[in-house]
């Protein structure tokens, strides 16, 4: 556009009118995100492999693979909120680790002694309740997936 304006010695407004373009298209440069190309390649690869999948299913596959998680979080929440989200996840992991360490120290259980043997420490009733809750959650997911596929 600059070359047209300078070559013909006309204003940007006049050049855009003659060419049939909006002036706003000349003022805003396209911004390509750094991870956009990798995400596009992953989407094309999944779409070519699973041609009949809709966008929600492809997005789900990308989330499972961990490709789009930060991109999706950044897109929906914004940069500041995404940073807050990630920082709060890190903070919660550290705090819960400290709490777990204090529980181990208070109950005089060695961490090395519990690796691979957590099933022996947990009471049988708690195991049963946890298994029932897990089965309920799995059935709930299967029900909603089946319901969504029928719609």
N, C-alpha and C. Protein backbone atom coordinates (compact mmCIF):
# COMPACT_ATOMS: atom_id res chain seq x y z
N UNK A 1 0.83 -1.19 0.00
CA UNK A 1 0.00 0.00 0.00
C UNK A 1 0.87 1.25 0.00
N UNK A 2 1.97 1.19 0.77
CA UNK A 2 2.87 2.36 0.78
C UNK A 2 3.44 2.63 -0.60
N UNK A 3 3.78 1.56 -1.31
CA UNK A 3 4.35 1.73 -2.65
C UNK A 3 3.33 2.36 -3.59
N UNK A 4 2.05 1.96 -3.45
CA UNK A 4 1.00 2.53 -4.30
C UNK A 4 0.82 4.01 -3.98
N UNK A 5 0.78 4.33 -2.68
CA UNK A 5 0.59 5.72 -2.26
C UNK A 5 1.74 6.62 -2.74
N UNK A 6 2.97 6.13 -2.58
CA UNK A 6 4.13 6.94 -2.98
C UNK A 6 4.27 7.00 -4.51
N UNK A 7 4.00 5.88 -5.18
CA UNK A 7 4.15 5.85 -6.64
C UNK A 7 3.14 6.73 -7.35
N UNK A 8 1.91 6.75 -6.86
CA UNK A 8 0.86 7.54 -7.50
C UNK A 8 0.66 8.90 -6.85
N UNK A 9 1.37 9.12 -5.74
CA UNK A 9 1.28 10.37 -5.00
C UNK A 9 -0.16 10.65 -4.56
N UNK A 10 -0.78 9.63 -3.93
CA UNK A 10 -2.14 9.78 -3.40
C UNK A 10 -2.14 9.39 -1.93
N UNK A 11 -3.20 9.79 -1.26
CA UNK A 11 -3.31 9.46 0.16
C UNK A 11 -3.69 7.99 0.33
N UNK A 12 -3.48 7.51 1.55
CA UNK A 12 -3.84 6.13 1.87
C UNK A 12 -5.35 5.92 1.72
N UNK A 13 -6.12 6.90 2.13
CA UNK A 13 -7.58 6.82 2.01
C UNK A 13 -8.00 6.65 0.56
N UNK A 14 -7.44 7.46 -0.33
CA UNK A 14 -7.79 7.40 -1.75
C UNK A 14 -7.36 6.05 -2.35
N UNK A 15 -6.17 5.59 -2.01
CA UNK A 15 -5.67 4.31 -2.54
C UNK A 15 -6.55 3.15 -2.08
N UNK A 16 -6.95 3.16 -0.83
CA UNK A 16 -7.81 2.09 -0.31
C UNK A 16 -9.18 2.12 -0.98
N UNK A 17 -9.71 3.32 -1.24
CA UNK A 17 -11.00 3.44 -1.91
C UNK A 17 -10.92 2.88 -3.33
N UNK A 18 -9.86 3.21 -4.04
CA UNK A 18 -9.69 2.72 -5.42
C UNK A 18 -9.51 1.22 -5.45
N UNK A 19 -8.74 0.68 -4.50
CA UNK A 19 -8.46 -0.76 -4.47
C UNK A 19 -9.58 -1.57 -3.83
N UNK A 20 -10.53 -0.88 -3.18
CA UNK A 20 -11.65 -1.57 -2.55
C UNK A 20 -11.28 -2.26 -1.25
N UNK A 21 -10.33 -1.69 -0.53
CA UNK A 21 -9.91 -2.26 0.75
C UNK A 21 -10.31 -1.32 1.88
N UNK A 22 -10.53 -1.91 3.05
CA UNK A 22 -10.77 -1.10 4.24
C UNK A 22 -9.43 -0.55 4.72
N UNK A 23 -9.45 0.66 5.23
CA UNK A 23 -8.21 1.28 5.70
C UNK A 23 -7.64 0.57 6.92
N UNK A 24 -8.53 -0.03 7.72
CA UNK A 24 -8.06 -0.70 8.93
C UNK A 24 -7.17 -1.90 8.61
N UNK A 25 -7.33 -2.50 7.42
CA UNK A 25 -6.48 -3.62 7.04
C UNK A 25 -5.05 -3.17 6.80
N UNK A 26 -4.84 -1.91 6.53
CA UNK A 26 -3.51 -1.40 6.27
C UNK A 26 -2.81 -0.95 7.55
N UNK A 27 -3.56 -0.71 8.58
CA UNK A 27 -2.98 -0.17 9.80
C UNK A 27 -2.57 -1.23 10.80
N UNK A 28 -3.18 -2.39 10.75
CA UNK A 28 -2.91 -3.44 11.73
C UNK A 28 -2.11 -4.56 11.07
N UNK A 29 -0.90 -4.71 11.54
CA UNK A 29 -0.05 -5.79 11.02
C UNK A 29 -0.49 -7.11 11.64
N UNK A 30 -0.45 -8.17 10.87
CA UNK A 30 -0.83 -9.49 11.36
C UNK A 30 0.19 -9.96 12.39
N UNK A 31 -0.32 -10.52 13.49
CA UNK A 31 0.53 -11.03 14.55
C UNK A 31 0.44 -12.56 14.53
N UNK A 32 1.56 -13.20 14.28
CA UNK A 32 1.60 -14.66 14.27
C UNK A 32 2.24 -15.12 15.57
N UNK A 33 1.53 -15.94 16.32
CA UNK A 33 2.05 -16.42 17.60
C UNK A 33 3.13 -17.46 17.36
N UNK A 34 4.04 -17.56 18.32
CA UNK A 34 5.19 -18.45 18.14
C UNK A 34 4.80 -19.91 18.06
N UNK A 35 3.74 -20.32 18.74
CA UNK A 35 3.35 -21.73 18.73
C UNK A 35 2.23 -22.02 17.73
N UNK A 36 1.86 -21.04 16.95
CA UNK A 36 0.75 -21.21 16.02
C UNK A 36 1.07 -22.24 14.93
N UNK A 37 2.30 -22.22 14.42
CA UNK A 37 2.67 -23.16 13.36
C UNK A 37 2.66 -24.60 13.86
N UNK A 38 3.18 -24.84 15.06
CA UNK A 38 3.18 -26.20 15.61
C UNK A 38 1.77 -26.68 15.86
N UNK A 39 0.92 -25.78 16.36
CA UNK A 39 -0.47 -26.14 16.62
C UNK A 39 -1.19 -26.43 15.31
N UNK A 40 -0.96 -25.63 14.30
CA UNK A 40 -1.59 -25.85 13.00
C UNK A 40 -1.16 -27.19 12.40
N UNK A 41 0.13 -27.51 12.50
CA UNK A 41 0.61 -28.80 12.00
C UNK A 41 -0.04 -29.96 12.74
N UNK A 42 -0.18 -29.83 14.06
CA UNK A 42 -0.80 -30.90 14.84
C UNK A 42 -2.27 -31.07 14.46
N UNK A 43 -2.97 -29.96 14.23
CA UNK A 43 -4.38 -30.03 13.84
C UNK A 43 -4.52 -30.68 12.47
N UNK A 44 -3.67 -30.29 11.52
CA UNK A 44 -3.73 -30.87 10.17
C UNK A 44 -3.42 -32.36 10.22
N UNK A 45 -2.45 -32.74 11.02
CA UNK A 45 -2.08 -34.15 11.14
C UNK A 45 -3.24 -34.96 11.72
N UNK A 46 -3.88 -34.45 12.77
CA UNK A 46 -5.01 -35.16 13.36
C UNK A 46 -6.20 -35.20 12.41
N UNK A 47 -6.44 -34.08 11.75
CA UNK A 47 -7.59 -34.02 10.83
C UNK A 47 -7.40 -34.96 9.65
N UNK A 48 -6.16 -35.11 9.17
CA UNK A 48 -5.94 -36.03 8.05
C UNK A 48 -6.01 -37.48 8.51
N UNK A 49 -5.63 -37.73 9.74
CA UNK A 49 -5.71 -39.09 10.27
C UNK A 49 -7.11 -39.49 10.67
N UNK A 50 -7.85 -38.54 11.21
CA UNK A 50 -9.22 -38.78 11.66
C UNK A 50 -10.13 -37.81 10.92
N UNK A 51 -10.40 -38.07 9.66
CA UNK A 51 -11.12 -37.14 8.80
C UNK A 51 -12.52 -36.79 9.25
N UNK A 52 -13.17 -37.71 9.96
CA UNK A 52 -14.56 -37.45 10.33
C UNK A 52 -14.71 -36.80 11.69
N UNK A 53 -13.60 -36.56 12.37
CA UNK A 53 -13.67 -35.93 13.69
C UNK A 53 -14.03 -34.47 13.56
N UNK A 54 -14.88 -34.01 14.47
CA UNK A 54 -15.23 -32.59 14.51
C UNK A 54 -14.22 -31.84 15.36
N UNK A 55 -14.37 -30.52 15.44
CA UNK A 55 -13.36 -29.71 16.10
C UNK A 55 -13.24 -30.03 17.59
N UNK A 56 -14.36 -30.39 18.23
CA UNK A 56 -14.28 -30.70 19.66
C UNK A 56 -13.46 -31.95 19.92
N UNK A 57 -13.61 -32.92 19.07
CA UNK A 57 -12.87 -34.16 19.23
C UNK A 57 -11.39 -33.95 18.95
N UNK A 58 -11.08 -33.15 17.94
CA UNK A 58 -9.68 -32.84 17.64
C UNK A 58 -9.06 -32.05 18.78
N UNK A 59 -9.81 -31.10 19.33
CA UNK A 59 -9.33 -30.34 20.47
C UNK A 59 -9.07 -31.25 21.66
N UNK A 60 -9.97 -32.21 21.88
CA UNK A 60 -9.77 -33.18 22.96
C UNK A 60 -8.51 -34.01 22.77
N UNK A 61 -8.26 -34.44 21.54
CA UNK A 61 -7.04 -35.20 21.25
C UNK A 61 -5.80 -34.35 21.48
N UNK A 62 -5.89 -33.08 21.10
CA UNK A 62 -4.75 -32.18 21.32
C UNK A 62 -4.50 -31.97 22.81
N UNK A 63 -5.56 -31.85 23.57
CA UNK A 63 -5.41 -31.68 25.02
C UNK A 63 -4.80 -32.92 25.64
N UNK A 64 -5.25 -34.10 25.19
CA UNK A 64 -4.67 -35.34 25.70
C UNK A 64 -3.18 -35.41 25.41
N UNK A 65 -2.81 -34.94 24.24
CA UNK A 65 -1.40 -34.97 23.86
C UNK A 65 -0.61 -33.85 24.53
N UNK A 66 -1.30 -32.87 25.11
CA UNK A 66 -0.62 -31.76 25.77
C UNK A 66 -0.11 -30.72 24.80
N UNK A 67 -0.54 -30.77 23.55
CA UNK A 67 -0.05 -29.83 22.55
C UNK A 67 -0.68 -28.46 22.75
N UNK A 68 -1.98 -28.44 22.93
CA UNK A 68 -2.70 -27.17 22.91
C UNK A 68 -3.02 -26.63 24.29
N UNK A 69 -2.60 -27.29 25.34
CA UNK A 69 -3.05 -26.88 26.66
C UNK A 69 -2.69 -25.43 26.98
N UNK A 70 -1.42 -25.05 26.82
CA UNK A 70 -1.04 -23.68 27.13
C UNK A 70 -1.62 -22.70 26.13
N UNK A 71 -1.71 -23.11 24.87
CA UNK A 71 -2.29 -22.24 23.86
C UNK A 71 -3.75 -21.98 24.15
N UNK A 72 -4.47 -23.04 24.49
CA UNK A 72 -5.90 -22.90 24.77
C UNK A 72 -6.12 -22.07 26.02
N UNK A 73 -5.33 -22.32 27.05
CA UNK A 73 -5.46 -21.53 28.28
C UNK A 73 -5.18 -20.06 27.99
N UNK A 74 -4.12 -19.79 27.24
CA UNK A 74 -3.78 -18.41 26.91
C UNK A 74 -4.84 -17.73 26.07
N UNK A 75 -5.44 -18.49 25.14
CA UNK A 75 -6.44 -17.91 24.26
C UNK A 75 -7.73 -17.57 25.02
N UNK A 76 -8.17 -18.48 25.88
CA UNK A 76 -9.43 -18.27 26.58
C UNK A 76 -9.29 -17.34 27.78
N UNK A 77 -8.19 -17.44 28.50
CA UNK A 77 -8.04 -16.65 29.71
C UNK A 77 -7.33 -15.33 29.50
N UNK A 78 -6.50 -15.25 28.49
CA UNK A 78 -5.67 -14.07 28.31
C UNK A 78 -4.32 -14.32 28.96
N UNK A 79 -3.34 -13.52 28.60
CA UNK A 79 -1.98 -13.74 29.06
C UNK A 79 -1.84 -13.60 30.58
N UNK A 80 -2.43 -12.57 31.12
CA UNK A 80 -2.31 -12.31 32.55
C UNK A 80 -3.00 -13.40 33.37
N UNK A 81 -4.21 -13.77 32.95
CA UNK A 81 -4.94 -14.81 33.68
C UNK A 81 -4.27 -16.17 33.52
N UNK A 82 -3.70 -16.44 32.36
CA UNK A 82 -2.99 -17.71 32.16
C UNK A 82 -1.78 -17.79 33.07
N UNK A 83 -1.06 -16.68 33.21
CA UNK A 83 0.08 -16.67 34.11
C UNK A 83 -0.38 -16.89 35.55
N UNK A 84 -1.47 -16.24 35.95
CA UNK A 84 -2.01 -16.42 37.29
C UNK A 84 -2.43 -17.86 37.51
N UNK A 85 -3.06 -18.46 36.50
CA UNK A 85 -3.48 -19.86 36.59
C UNK A 85 -2.29 -20.79 36.79
N UNK A 86 -1.25 -20.61 35.97
CA UNK A 86 -0.07 -21.47 36.09
C UNK A 86 0.67 -21.24 37.40
N UNK A 87 0.75 -19.99 37.81
CA UNK A 87 1.42 -19.68 39.08
C UNK A 87 0.66 -20.28 40.26
N UNK A 88 -0.67 -20.22 40.21
CA UNK A 88 -1.45 -20.80 41.31
C UNK A 88 -1.32 -22.32 41.33
N UNK A 89 -1.22 -22.95 40.14
CA UNK A 89 -0.99 -24.41 40.11
C UNK A 89 0.34 -24.76 40.75
N UNK A 90 1.38 -24.00 40.42
CA UNK A 90 2.70 -24.26 41.01
C UNK A 90 2.68 -24.04 42.51
N UNK A 91 2.05 -22.98 42.94
CA UNK A 91 1.97 -22.67 44.37
C UNK A 91 1.21 -23.75 45.12
N UNK A 92 0.10 -24.20 44.54
CA UNK A 92 -0.68 -25.27 45.20
C UNK A 92 0.13 -26.56 45.29
N UNK A 93 0.89 -26.88 44.25
CA UNK A 93 1.71 -28.09 44.29
C UNK A 93 2.77 -28.00 45.39
N UNK A 94 3.38 -26.84 45.53
CA UNK A 94 4.39 -26.67 46.57
C UNK A 94 3.76 -26.75 47.96
N UNK A 95 2.64 -26.05 48.15
CA UNK A 95 1.98 -26.04 49.46
C UNK A 95 1.50 -27.44 49.84
N UNK A 96 0.88 -28.14 48.90
CA UNK A 96 0.41 -29.49 49.20
C UNK A 96 1.57 -30.45 49.45
N UNK A 97 2.70 -30.25 48.77
CA UNK A 97 3.89 -31.05 49.05
C UNK A 97 4.40 -30.83 50.46
N UNK A 98 4.40 -29.57 50.90
CA UNK A 98 4.82 -29.26 52.28
C UNK A 98 3.87 -29.88 53.28
N UNK A 99 2.57 -29.79 53.00
CA UNK A 99 1.57 -30.38 53.91
C UNK A 99 1.76 -31.89 53.99
N UNK A 100 1.96 -32.54 52.84
CA UNK A 100 2.18 -33.99 52.82
C UNK A 100 3.44 -34.36 53.58
N UNK A 101 4.47 -33.57 53.44
CA UNK A 101 5.70 -33.81 54.18
C UNK A 101 5.46 -33.71 55.68
N UNK A 102 4.68 -32.72 56.10
CA UNK A 102 4.38 -32.56 57.52
C UNK A 102 3.55 -33.73 58.04
N UNK A 103 2.64 -34.24 57.22
CA UNK A 103 1.84 -35.40 57.62
C UNK A 103 2.75 -36.61 57.82
N UNK A 104 3.69 -36.81 56.90
CA UNK A 104 4.64 -37.92 57.04
C UNK A 104 5.48 -37.77 58.31
N UNK A 105 5.94 -36.55 58.58
CA UNK A 105 6.75 -36.33 59.77
C UNK A 105 5.95 -36.52 61.05
N UNK A 106 4.69 -36.05 61.06
CA UNK A 106 3.85 -36.17 62.25
C UNK A 106 3.48 -37.62 62.54
N UNK A 107 3.27 -38.41 61.51
CA UNK A 107 2.88 -39.81 61.72
C UNK A 107 4.09 -40.74 61.74
N UNK A 108 5.30 -40.17 61.68
CA UNK A 108 6.55 -40.91 61.76
C UNK A 108 6.64 -42.03 60.72
N UNK A 109 6.22 -41.68 59.51
CA UNK A 109 6.31 -42.63 58.41
C UNK A 109 7.41 -42.13 57.48
N UNK A 110 8.33 -43.00 57.12
CA UNK A 110 9.38 -42.62 56.20
C UNK A 110 8.85 -42.59 54.77
N UNK A 111 9.24 -41.60 54.02
CA UNK A 111 8.76 -41.47 52.64
C UNK A 111 9.25 -42.65 51.81
N UNK A 112 10.50 -43.05 51.99
CA UNK A 112 11.04 -44.17 51.22
C UNK A 112 10.32 -45.47 51.55
N UNK A 113 9.85 -45.59 52.78
CA UNK A 113 9.16 -46.82 53.18
C UNK A 113 7.78 -46.92 52.55
N UNK A 114 7.20 -45.80 52.10
CA UNK A 114 5.84 -45.83 51.56
C UNK A 114 5.79 -45.95 50.05
N UNK A 115 6.93 -45.79 49.37
CA UNK A 115 6.93 -45.86 47.91
C UNK A 115 6.56 -47.27 47.48
N UNK A 116 5.48 -47.39 46.74
CA UNK A 116 5.02 -48.69 46.27
C UNK A 116 4.24 -49.48 47.30
N UNK A 117 4.09 -48.95 48.49
CA UNK A 117 3.39 -49.68 49.55
C UNK A 117 2.26 -48.86 50.15
N UNK A 118 1.76 -47.90 49.39
CA UNK A 118 0.69 -47.04 49.91
C UNK A 118 -0.57 -47.85 50.18
N UNK A 119 -0.78 -48.92 49.42
CA UNK A 119 -1.96 -49.76 49.61
C UNK A 119 -1.99 -50.44 50.96
N UNK A 120 -0.83 -50.65 51.56
CA UNK A 120 -0.77 -51.29 52.88
C UNK A 120 -1.09 -50.30 53.99
N UNK A 121 -0.85 -49.03 53.75
CA UNK A 121 -1.07 -48.00 54.78
C UNK A 121 -2.53 -47.57 54.82
N UNK A 122 -3.17 -47.49 53.66
CA UNK A 122 -4.55 -47.00 53.58
C UNK A 122 -5.51 -48.05 54.11
N UNK A 123 -6.45 -47.65 54.99
CA UNK A 123 -7.44 -48.61 55.52
C UNK A 123 -8.33 -49.17 54.41
N UNK A 124 -8.83 -50.38 54.63
CA UNK A 124 -9.64 -51.08 53.61
C UNK A 124 -10.92 -50.31 53.29
N UNK A 125 -11.56 -49.70 54.29
CA UNK A 125 -12.81 -48.96 54.02
C UNK A 125 -12.54 -47.75 53.12
N UNK A 126 -11.42 -47.09 53.34
CA UNK A 126 -11.08 -45.94 52.50
C UNK A 126 -10.78 -46.38 51.07
N UNK A 127 -10.14 -47.54 50.92
CA UNK A 127 -9.90 -48.08 49.58
C UNK A 127 -11.22 -48.36 48.87
N UNK A 128 -12.17 -48.96 49.58
CA UNK A 128 -13.46 -49.30 48.98
C UNK A 128 -14.22 -48.05 48.59
N UNK A 129 -14.26 -47.07 49.48
CA UNK A 129 -14.97 -45.81 49.19
C UNK A 129 -14.32 -45.12 47.99
N UNK A 130 -13.01 -45.10 47.94
CA UNK A 130 -12.30 -44.48 46.81
C UNK A 130 -12.60 -45.19 45.51
N UNK A 131 -12.66 -46.53 45.55
CA UNK A 131 -12.95 -47.30 44.35
C UNK A 131 -14.37 -47.01 43.85
N UNK A 132 -15.33 -46.91 44.77
CA UNK A 132 -16.72 -46.62 44.39
C UNK A 132 -16.81 -45.22 43.78
N UNK A 133 -16.14 -44.25 44.37
CA UNK A 133 -16.15 -42.88 43.82
C UNK A 133 -15.52 -42.86 42.44
N UNK A 134 -14.41 -43.56 42.26
CA UNK A 134 -13.75 -43.62 40.96
C UNK A 134 -14.65 -44.27 39.92
N UNK A 135 -15.32 -45.35 40.29
CA UNK A 135 -16.26 -46.00 39.35
C UNK A 135 -17.40 -45.06 38.97
N UNK A 136 -17.91 -44.32 39.95
CA UNK A 136 -18.98 -43.36 39.68
C UNK A 136 -18.51 -42.28 38.70
N UNK A 137 -17.31 -41.75 38.92
CA UNK A 137 -16.78 -40.72 38.04
C UNK A 137 -16.57 -41.25 36.62
N UNK A 138 -16.06 -42.48 36.51
CA UNK A 138 -15.85 -43.08 35.20
C UNK A 138 -17.18 -43.31 34.48
N UNK A 139 -18.19 -43.79 35.21
CA UNK A 139 -19.51 -44.00 34.61
C UNK A 139 -20.12 -42.68 34.17
N UNK A 140 -19.92 -41.64 34.95
CA UNK A 140 -20.44 -40.32 34.61
C UNK A 140 -19.81 -39.81 33.30
N UNK A 141 -18.50 -39.98 33.15
CA UNK A 141 -17.83 -39.56 31.92
C UNK A 141 -18.33 -40.36 30.73
N UNK A 142 -18.46 -41.67 30.89
CA UNK A 142 -18.94 -42.52 29.80
C UNK A 142 -20.36 -42.14 29.41
N UNK A 143 -21.20 -41.85 30.40
CA UNK A 143 -22.59 -41.45 30.12
C UNK A 143 -22.62 -40.16 29.31
N UNK A 144 -21.83 -39.17 29.73
CA UNK A 144 -21.86 -37.88 29.03
C UNK A 144 -21.24 -37.98 27.63
N UNK A 145 -20.22 -38.81 27.47
CA UNK A 145 -19.64 -39.04 26.13
C UNK A 145 -20.67 -39.69 25.21
N UNK A 146 -21.39 -40.69 25.73
CA UNK A 146 -22.41 -41.36 24.91
C UNK A 146 -23.55 -40.40 24.57
N UNK A 147 -23.93 -39.58 25.52
CA UNK A 147 -25.00 -38.60 25.31
C UNK A 147 -24.58 -37.57 24.26
N UNK A 148 -23.31 -37.12 24.32
CA UNK A 148 -22.80 -36.13 23.36
C UNK A 148 -22.69 -36.73 21.96
N UNK A 149 -22.31 -37.99 21.86
CA UNK A 149 -22.17 -38.60 20.53
C UNK A 149 -23.51 -38.84 19.86
N UNK A 150 -24.58 -38.96 20.65
CA UNK A 150 -25.92 -39.16 20.06
C UNK A 150 -26.54 -37.85 19.61
N UNK A 151 -26.01 -36.74 20.08
CA UNK A 151 -26.60 -35.42 19.72
C UNK A 151 -26.14 -34.94 18.39
